[in-house]
C-alpha atoms as a PDB file:
ATOM      1  CA  ARG A   1       3.660 -10.406  19.919  1.00  0.00           C
ATOM      2  CA  LYS A   2       0.387 -10.652  17.993  1.00  0.00           C
ATOM      3  CA  PRO A   3      -1.429  -7.475  16.951  1.00  0.00           C
ATOM      4  CA  GLN A   4      -4.310  -6.621  19.244  1.00  0.00           C
ATOM      5  CA  SER A   5      -7.008  -6.220  16.630  1.00  0.00           C
ATOM      6  CA  ALA A   6     -10.490  -7.642  16.290  1.00  0.00           C
ATOM      7  CA  ILE A   7      -9.619  -8.471  12.679  1.00  0.00           C
ATOM      8  CA  PHE A   8      -7.037 -11.043  13.784  1.00  0.00           C
ATOM      9  CA  GLU A   9      -8.711 -12.365  16.901  1.00  0.00           C
ATOM     10  CA  PRO A  10     -10.472 -15.722  16.650  1.00  0.00           C
ATOM     11  CA  LEU A  11     -14.129 -16.167  17.428  1.00  0.00           C
ATOM     12  CA  ARG A  12     -14.487 -18.254  20.596  1.00  0.00           C
ATOM     13  CA  TYR A  13     -17.382 -20.343  21.798  1.00  0.00           C
ATOM     14  CA  ARG A  14     -17.635 -22.772  24.705  1.00  0.00           C
ATOM     15  CA  GLY A  15     -14.109 -22.889  26.027  1.00  0.00           C
ATOM     16  CA  ASP A  16     -11.588 -24.295  23.567  1.00  0.00           C
ATOM     17  CA  ASN A  17     -13.780 -24.053  20.475  1.00  0.00           C
ATOM     18  CA  GLU A  18     -12.291 -21.445  18.189  1.00  0.00           C
ATOM     19  CA  ILE A  19     -12.878 -20.219  14.652  1.00  0.00           C
ATOM     20  CA  ARG A  20     -10.321 -18.224  12.675  1.00  0.00           C
ATOM     21  CA  ILE A  21     -11.231 -16.458   9.455  1.00  0.00           C
ATOM     22  CA  LEU A  22      -8.124 -15.631   7.414  1.00  0.00           C
ATOM     23  CA  PRO A  23      -6.848 -13.600   5.719  1.00  0.00           C
ATOM     24  CA  ASN A  24      -8.763 -10.507   6.671  1.00  0.00           C
ATOM     25  CA  PRO A  25      -8.702  -8.404   4.556  1.00  0.00           C
ATOM     26  CA  CYS A  26      -8.866 -10.938   1.736  1.00  0.00           C
ATOM     27  CA  HIS A  27      -8.673 -10.764  -2.038  1.00  0.00           C
ATOM     28  CA  LYS A  28     -10.639 -13.775  -3.337  1.00  0.00           C
ATOM     29  CA  ILE A  29     -10.559 -16.604  -0.806  1.00  0.00           C
ATOM     30  CA  LEU A  30     -11.286 -16.748   2.921  1.00  0.00           C
ATOM     31  CA  TRP A  31     -10.170 -19.766   4.917  1.00  0.00           C
ATOM     32  CA  ILE A  32     -12.168 -20.812   7.962  1.00  0.00           C
ATOM     33  CA  TYR A  33     -10.194 -22.817  10.542  1.00  0.00           C
ATOM     34  CA  THR A  34     -11.942 -24.492  13.454  1.00  0.00           C
ATOM     35  CA  THR A  35     -10.515 -26.169  16.545  1.00  0.00           C
ATOM     36  CA  ASN A  36     -12.462 -28.920  18.283  1.00  0.00           C
ATOM     37  CA  PHE A  37     -14.657 -28.967  15.222  1.00  0.00           C
ATOM     38  CA  LEU A  38     -18.388 -28.892  15.855  1.00  0.00           C
ATOM     39  CA  SER A  39     -20.547 -30.299  13.059  1.00  0.00           C
ATOM     40  CA  ASN A  40     -23.400 -28.459  11.366  1.00  0.00           C
ATOM     41  CA  LEU A  41     -21.993 -24.958  11.639  1.00  0.00           C
ATOM     42  CA  ARG A  42     -23.502 -22.528   9.177  1.00  0.00           C
ATOM     43  CA  LEU A  43     -21.779 -19.343   8.055  1.00  0.00           C
ATOM     44  CA  ARG A  44     -23.849 -16.512   6.566  1.00  0.00           C
ATOM     45  CA  LEU A  45     -22.458 -13.514   4.696  1.00  0.00           C
ATOM     46  CA  TRP A  46     -24.252 -10.154   4.392  1.00  0.00           C
ATOM     47  CA  ASP A  47     -23.318  -6.951   2.615  1.00  0.00           C
ATOM     48  CA  VAL A  48     -23.450  -3.544   4.325  1.00  0.00           C
ATOM     49  CA  THR A  49     -27.079  -3.035   3.286  1.00  0.00           C
ATOM     50  CA  GLY A  50     -28.106  -6.149   5.238  1.00  0.00           C
ATOM     51  CA  ARG A  51     -28.728  -8.295   2.153  1.00  0.00           C
ATOM     52  CA  GLU A  52     -27.770 -11.918   2.650  1.00  0.00           C
ATOM     53  CA  ILE A  53     -25.212 -12.805  -0.027  1.00  0.00           C
ATOM     54  CA  LYS A  54     -24.057 -16.367   0.693  1.00  0.00           C
ATOM     55  CA  ILE A  55     -24.539 -19.291   3.045  1.00  0.00           C
ATOM     56  CA  LEU A  56     -21.774 -21.818   3.640  1.00  0.00           C
ATOM     57  CA  GLN A  57     -21.959 -25.062   5.605  1.00  0.00           C
ATOM     58  CA  ILE A  58     -18.708 -25.614   7.527  1.00  0.00           C
ATOM     59  CA  LYS A  59     -17.976 -29.300   7.052  1.00  0.00           C
ATOM     60  CA  GLY A  60     -14.543 -29.796   8.581  1.00  0.00           C
ATOM     61  CA  PRO A  61     -11.639 -28.184  10.431  1.00  0.00           C
ATOM     62  CA  VAL A  62     -10.587 -26.222   7.299  1.00  0.00           C
ATOM     63  CA  THR A  63     -13.125 -24.707   4.896  1.00  0.00           C
ATOM     64  CA  LYS A  64     -12.504 -22.609   1.790  1.00  0.00           C
ATOM     65  CA  PHE A  65     -14.923 -19.718   1.217  1.00  0.00           C
ATOM     66  CA  ASP A  66     -14.709 -18.233  -2.292  1.00  0.00           C
ATOM     67  CA  LEU A  67     -15.532 -14.516  -2.455  1.00  0.00           C
ATOM     68  CA  SER A  68     -14.120 -13.928  -5.949  1.00  0.00           C
ATOM     69  CA  ASP A  69     -17.582 -13.225  -7.392  1.00  0.00           C
ATOM     70  CA  LEU A  70     -18.193 -10.337  -4.951  1.00  0.00           C
ATOM     71  CA  PRO A  71     -17.172  -6.698  -5.361  1.00  0.00           C
ATOM     72  CA  ASP A  72     -14.615  -5.151  -3.026  1.00  0.00           C
ATOM     73  CA  GLY A  73     -16.087  -3.917   0.219  1.00  0.00           C
ATOM     74  CA  VAL A  74     -17.011  -4.687   3.797  1.00  0.00           C
ATOM     75  CA  TYR A  75     -19.038  -7.791   4.577  1.00  0.00           C
ATOM     76  CA  PHE A  76     -20.535  -9.166   7.744  1.00  0.00           C
ATOM     77  CA  ILE A  77     -20.140 -12.830   8.709  1.00  0.00           C
ATOM     78  CA  ALA A  78     -22.269 -14.650  11.256  1.00  0.00           C
ATOM     79  CA  ILE A  79     -21.655 -18.236  12.365  1.00  0.00           C
ATOM     80  CA  ASP A  80     -24.611 -20.015  13.904  1.00  0.00           C
ATOM     81  CA  PHE A  81     -23.643 -22.105  16.945  1.00  0.00           C
ATOM     82  CA  SER A  82     -27.334 -22.344  17.821  1.00  0.00           C
ATOM     83  CA  PRO A  83     -28.485 -20.818  20.092  1.00  0.00           C
ATOM     84  CA  LYS A  84     -25.496 -18.429  19.986  1.00  0.00           C
ATOM     85  CA  ILE A  85     -24.396 -16.532  16.862  1.00  0.00           C
ATOM     86  CA  LEU A  86     -20.820 -15.238  16.537  1.00  0.00           C
ATOM     87  CA  GLN A  87     -20.220 -12.240  14.275  1.00  0.00           C
ATOM     88  CA  LYS A  88     -17.287 -10.648  12.455  1.00  0.00           C
ATOM     89  CA  PHE A  89     -16.584  -8.095   9.727  1.00  0.00           C
ATOM     90  CA  VAL A  90     -14.610  -9.196   6.667  1.00  0.00           C
ATOM     91  CA  TYR A  91     -12.919  -6.862   4.212  1.00  0.00           C
ATOM     92  CA  ARG A  92     -12.533  -7.837   0.546  1.00  0.00           C
ATOM     93  CA  HIS A  93     -10.162  -5.836  -1.665  1.00  0.00           C
END
């Protein structure tokens, strides 16, 4: 049985559309997996002070997000489905 944790749960939008952000916590690389891929998704990353750190355009069902240039810590991800925004915390160690 899967752990019941918000860290492992996918982000869901409009029925079968799902986004998984793995691994979480991560060391250097996050992978973003989408089902029923929707084009023009934008992922934004903020630090705990609210400063926007990175923007990534999701261009396919699997996207690599390199966090190796960031210090360890807690980050906040938002994915713009316009008009809805899905949010998740990411931990880098």
